[in-house]
Protein backbone atom coordinates (compact mmCIF):
# COMPACT_ATOMS: atom_id res chain seq x y z
CA UNK A 1 -14.19 17.16 -15.42
CA UNK A 2 -15.30 15.47 -12.05
CA UNK A 3 -15.71 11.72 -12.33
CA UNK A 4 -16.79 8.86 -10.09
CA UNK A 5 -14.67 5.73 -10.17
CA UNK A 6 -15.90 2.27 -9.38
CA UNK A 7 -12.80 0.62 -7.65
CA UNK A 8 -14.19 -2.94 -7.50
CA UNK A 9 -15.55 -2.86 -9.41
CA UNK A 10 -6.85 -2.74 -29.07
CA UNK A 11 -5.68 -4.44 -32.69
CA UNK A 12 -8.73 -3.38 -34.57
CA UNK A 13 -7.92 0.29 -35.83
CA UNK A 14 -10.18 3.01 -34.55
CA UNK A 15 -11.63 5.45 -37.01
CA UNK A 16 -9.52 8.48 -35.78
CA UNK A 17 -11.83 10.90 -37.76
CA UNK A 18 -14.55 10.02 -35.43
CA UNK A 19 -12.77 10.73 -32.35
CA UNK A 20 -15.12 13.08 -30.03
CA UNK A 21 -14.20 16.48 -29.43
CA UNK A 22 -13.95 15.69 -25.66
CA UNK A 23 -11.33 12.77 -25.99
CA UNK A 24 -9.36 15.03 -28.35
CA UNK A 25 -9.36 18.02 -26.23
CA UNK A 26 -8.14 15.85 -23.27
CA UNK A 27 -5.45 14.36 -25.38
CA UNK A 28 -4.32 17.72 -26.66
CA UNK A 29 -4.35 19.60 -23.38
CA UNK A 30 -2.30 16.46 -21.77
CA UNK A 31 0.01 16.15 -24.35
CA UNK A 32 1.81 19.44 -23.23
CA UNK A 33 2.70 17.42 -19.88
CA UNK A 34 3.55 14.15 -21.27
CA UNK A 35 7.10 15.21 -22.12
CA UNK A 36 7.66 16.47 -18.61
CA UNK A 37 9.09 14.24 -15.85
CA UNK A 38 6.43 13.91 -13.32
CA UNK A 39 6.73 13.83 -9.43
CA UNK A 40 5.65 10.58 -8.05
CA UNK A 41 2.71 10.53 -5.63
CA UNK A 42 3.87 10.00 -1.93
CA UNK A 43 2.71 8.86 1.30
CA UNK A 44 2.91 12.58 2.36
CA UNK A 45 0.10 13.45 -0.26
CA UNK A 46 -1.98 10.35 1.34
CA UNK A 47 -1.32 11.73 4.91
CA UNK A 48 -2.57 15.16 3.81
CA UNK A 49 -5.57 13.41 2.59
CA UNK A 50 -6.16 11.86 6.22
CA UNK A 51 -5.44 15.46 7.64
CA UNK A 52 -8.24 16.94 5.59
CA UNK A 53 -10.63 14.15 6.37
CA UNK A 54 -9.94 14.46 10.20
CA UNK A 55 -10.06 18.25 9.85
CA UNK A 56 -13.52 18.30 8.43
CA UNK A 57 -14.96 15.69 11.03
CA UNK A 58 -13.28 17.39 13.93
CA UNK A 59 -13.47 21.08 12.70
CA UNK A 60 -9.77 21.53 12.64
CA UNK A 61 -7.68 23.48 10.13
CA UNK A 62 -4.81 21.80 8.51
CA UNK A 63 -2.24 22.99 5.71
CA UNK A 64 -0.16 21.24 3.36
CA UNK A 65 3.73 20.82 3.63
CA UNK A 66 4.64 19.45 0.37
CA UNK A 67 5.51 21.27 -2.72
CA UNK A 68 2.55 22.34 -4.92
CA UNK A 69 2.29 21.46 -8.39
CA UNK A 70 -0.69 20.84 -11.14
CA UNK A 71 -2.06 17.19 -11.75
CA UNK A 72 -5.15 15.54 -12.91
CA UNK A 73 -5.67 13.36 -9.78
CA UNK A 74 -8.16 10.79 -8.09
CA UNK A 75 -8.57 10.16 -4.46
CA UNK A 76 -9.75 6.69 -3.39
CA UNK A 77 -10.88 5.72 0.18
CA UNK A 78 -11.30 1.92 1.17
CA UNK A 79 -12.61 0.34 4.21
CA UNK A 80 -11.01 -2.77 5.26
CA UNK A 81 -10.09 -3.21 1.61
CA UNK A 82 -13.56 -2.44 0.21
CA UNK A 83 -14.07 0.74 -1.86
CA UNK A 84 -15.66 3.53 0.32
CA UNK A 85 -15.52 6.36 -2.08
CA UNK A 86 -13.49 7.68 -5.05
CA UNK A 87 -13.82 10.92 -7.05
CA UNK A 88 -11.32 12.84 -9.18
CA UNK A 89 -10.63 14.88 -12.10
CA UNK A 90 -8.76 15.00 -15.43
CA UNK A 91 -8.15 18.65 -15.55
CA UNK A 92 -4.34 19.26 -15.50
CA UNK A 93 -4.70 22.74 -13.98
CA UNK A 94 -6.01 21.10 -10.46
CA UNK A 95 -3.15 22.04 -7.93
CA UNK A 96 -2.17 19.56 -5.44
CA UNK A 97 -2.95 21.90 -2.39
CA UNK A 98 -6.30 22.66 -3.10
CA UNK A 99 -7.05 19.68 -5.42
CA UNK A 100 -6.04 16.82 -2.88
CA UNK A 101 -8.22 18.61 -0.08
CA UNK A 102 -11.25 19.04 -2.48
CA UNK A 103 -11.23 15.43 -3.78
CA UNK A 104 -10.32 13.76 -0.33
CA UNK A 105 -13.51 15.57 0.93
CA UNK A 106 -15.64 14.87 -2.16
CA UNK A 107 -14.69 11.09 -2.31
CA UNK A 108 -15.38 10.82 1.54
CA UNK A 109 -18.57 12.86 1.59
CA UNK A 110 -20.23 13.28 -1.89
CA UNK A 111 -19.52 9.99 -3.59
CA UNK A 112 -23.36 9.08 -4.51
CA UNK A 113 -22.72 5.49 -4.18
CA UNK A 114 -22.08 5.71 -0.51
CA UNK A 115 -23.02 7.37 2.64
CA UNK A 116 -20.72 10.03 4.08
CA UNK A 117 -17.71 8.56 5.84
CA UNK A 118 -18.09 9.03 9.75
CA UNK A 119 -15.62 9.59 12.27
CA UNK A 120 -15.71 6.16 13.77
CA UNK A 121 -14.75 4.59 10.49
CA UNK A 122 -11.52 6.56 10.10
CA UNK A 123 -9.24 3.77 12.05
CA UNK A 124 -10.63 1.27 9.34
CA UNK A 125 -9.69 3.34 6.36
CA UNK A 126 -6.82 3.61 3.83
CA UNK A 127 -6.31 6.10 1.12
CA UNK A 128 -4.94 5.91 -2.38
CA UNK A 129 -3.71 8.95 -4.27
CA UNK A 130 -3.43 8.74 -8.03
CA UNK A 131 -1.74 11.37 -10.12
CA UNK A 132 -2.48 11.07 -13.61
CA UNK A 133 -0.19 11.59 -16.72
CA UNK A 134 0.90 10.35 -20.26
CA UNK A 135 -2.68 10.77 -21.95
CA UNK A 136 -2.69 9.43 -25.33
CA UNK A 137 -5.23 8.60 -28.00
CA UNK A 138 -5.48 4.90 -28.55
CA UNK A 139 -5.41 3.41 -32.22
CA UNK A 140 -7.79 0.86 -31.37
CA UNK A 141 -9.98 -0.23 -28.44
CA UNK A 142 -7.19 -2.72 -27.57
CA UNK A 143 -4.40 -0.19 -27.83
CA UNK A 144 -3.55 -0.13 -23.96
CA UNK A 145 -1.70 -2.39 -21.65
CA UNK A 146 -3.49 -4.01 -18.63
CA UNK A 147 -1.92 -3.16 -15.34
CA UNK A 148 0.02 -0.24 -16.91
CA UNK A 149 -2.76 2.16 -18.45
CA UNK A 150 -5.98 3.45 -17.28
CA UNK A 151 -8.58 4.35 -19.90
CA UNK A 152 -11.36 6.63 -20.65
CA UNK A 153 -13.93 5.58 -23.20
CA UNK A 154 -16.35 8.04 -24.93
CA UNK A 155 -19.23 7.34 -27.23
CA UNK A 156 -22.70 8.87 -28.32
CA UNK A 157 -25.98 7.16 -28.89
CA UNK A 158 -29.29 8.95 -30.05
CA UNK A 159 -27.79 12.49 -29.44
CA UNK A 160 -26.68 11.42 -25.92
CA UNK A 161 -22.91 11.23 -24.86
CA UNK A 162 -21.46 8.58 -22.60
CA UNK A 163 -18.31 8.40 -20.89
CA UNK A 164 -16.62 6.38 -18.12
CA UNK A 165 -12.90 5.55 -16.83
CA UNK A 166 -11.15 3.01 -14.94
CA UNK A 167 -7.75 3.52 -13.22
CA UNK A 168 -4.87 1.33 -14.16
CA UNK A 169 -5.35 -1.08 -11.19
CA UNK A 170 -9.03 -1.75 -11.87
CA UNK A 171 -8.68 -4.19 -14.80
CA UNK A 172 -5.98 -6.36 -13.04
CA UNK A 173 -7.81 -6.38 -9.72
CA UNK A 174 -11.06 -7.65 -11.34
CA UNK A 175 -9.20 -10.09 -13.63
CA UNK A 176 -10.54 -8.24 -16.84
CA UNK A 177 -9.12 -8.76 -20.03
CA UNK A 178 -9.52 -5.81 -22.81
CA UNK A 179 -12.94 -6.88 -23.91
CA UNK A 180 -14.37 -7.27 -20.41
CA UNK A 181 -12.84 -3.94 -19.44
CA UNK A 182 -14.61 -2.23 -22.34
CA UNK A 183 -17.94 -3.82 -21.53
CA UNK A 184 -17.70 -3.07 -17.92
CA UNK A 185 -16.99 0.68 -18.85
CA UNK A 186 -19.96 0.70 -21.38
CA UNK A 187 -22.39 -0.36 -18.66
CA UNK A 188 -20.77 2.12 -16.05
CA UNK A 189 -21.23 4.86 -18.40
CA UNK A 190 -25.01 4.47 -17.96
CA UNK A 191 -25.59 3.01 -21.42
CA UNK A 192 -28.21 0.39 -20.99
CA UNK A 193 -28.48 -1.14 -24.43
CA UNK A 194 -26.13 -3.66 -26.01
CA UNK A 195 -23.19 -2.26 -28.18
CA UNK A 196 -22.08 -5.06 -30.42
CA UNK A 197 -18.42 -5.81 -30.39
CA UNK A 198 -18.20 -5.12 -34.17
CA UNK A 199 -19.45 -1.62 -33.52
CA UNK A 200 -16.82 -0.59 -30.99
CA UNK A 201 -14.17 0.36 -33.66
CA UNK A 202 -16.67 2.69 -35.20
CA UNK A 203 -18.25 4.30 -32.17
CA UNK A 204 -15.92 4.14 -29.13
CA UNK A 205 -13.13 6.74 -28.63
CA UNK A 206 -10.51 5.51 -26.13
CA UNK A 207 -7.80 7.49 -24.49
CA UNK A 208 -5.08 5.65 -22.41
CA UNK A 209 -3.08 7.30 -19.25
CA UNK A 210 -0.83 6.33 -16.49
CA UNK A 211 -0.81 6.84 -12.99
CA UNK A 212 1.42 7.34 -10.00
CA UNK A 213 -0.20 6.13 -7.17
CA UNK A 214 0.68 6.09 -3.28
CA UNK A 215 -1.41 4.18 -0.58
CA UNK A 216 -1.67 4.84 3.19
CA UNK A 217 -3.38 2.95 5.92
CA UNK A 218 -4.68 4.88 8.94
CA UNK A 219 -2.37 3.04 11.37
CA UNK A 220 0.55 4.21 9.17
CA UNK A 221 -0.83 7.70 9.32
CA UNK A 222 -0.68 7.80 12.76
CA UNK A 223 3.02 6.93 12.78
CA UNK A 224 3.67 9.60 10.52
CA UNK A 225 1.73 12.21 12.71
């Protein structure tokens, strides 16, 4: 359930009978939480991500002070506005205390698109915490709202499965409409052939979700600590 996220980076009905087991499983698991009122992501969650990063770089122990709960989540590091690392999970069983630490460090040191973050970079960093909820299967590839929903696409070709996701903020940040978003996600999934638009209805399953997000710069982190 670990996924990398590119941070710069419906109504035609979908054939619901072709929805992949992975997409259906995500939807079924998350539907139990959709009826609950979720706590929002907070700057304290972001501050803890900085605590964990500095703790790793300076070999210091750190402990969370906020209440624990279970969420799907992503942690995004940026350096002076540019993506520096982003990794997360769609597993609803990930608890905040362990999950935030795990993904703060994974996104800082193990995102294969970037070199590991070094101590001298920290003053130039900001962090975003996204807690994900309201997962729902889409009725078509256009059945989601730009700026409100993140989406996961899932499809197969030649027996190989492909999947990719964008958080809710990516499409508006890049100026993407629905079609450009799907095209970008197809490419991001690693699929190197062309998937014609008239085949999207039949071949692509889409799940939409929403995100509660908080953001913190290093300068503001120092004021908190």
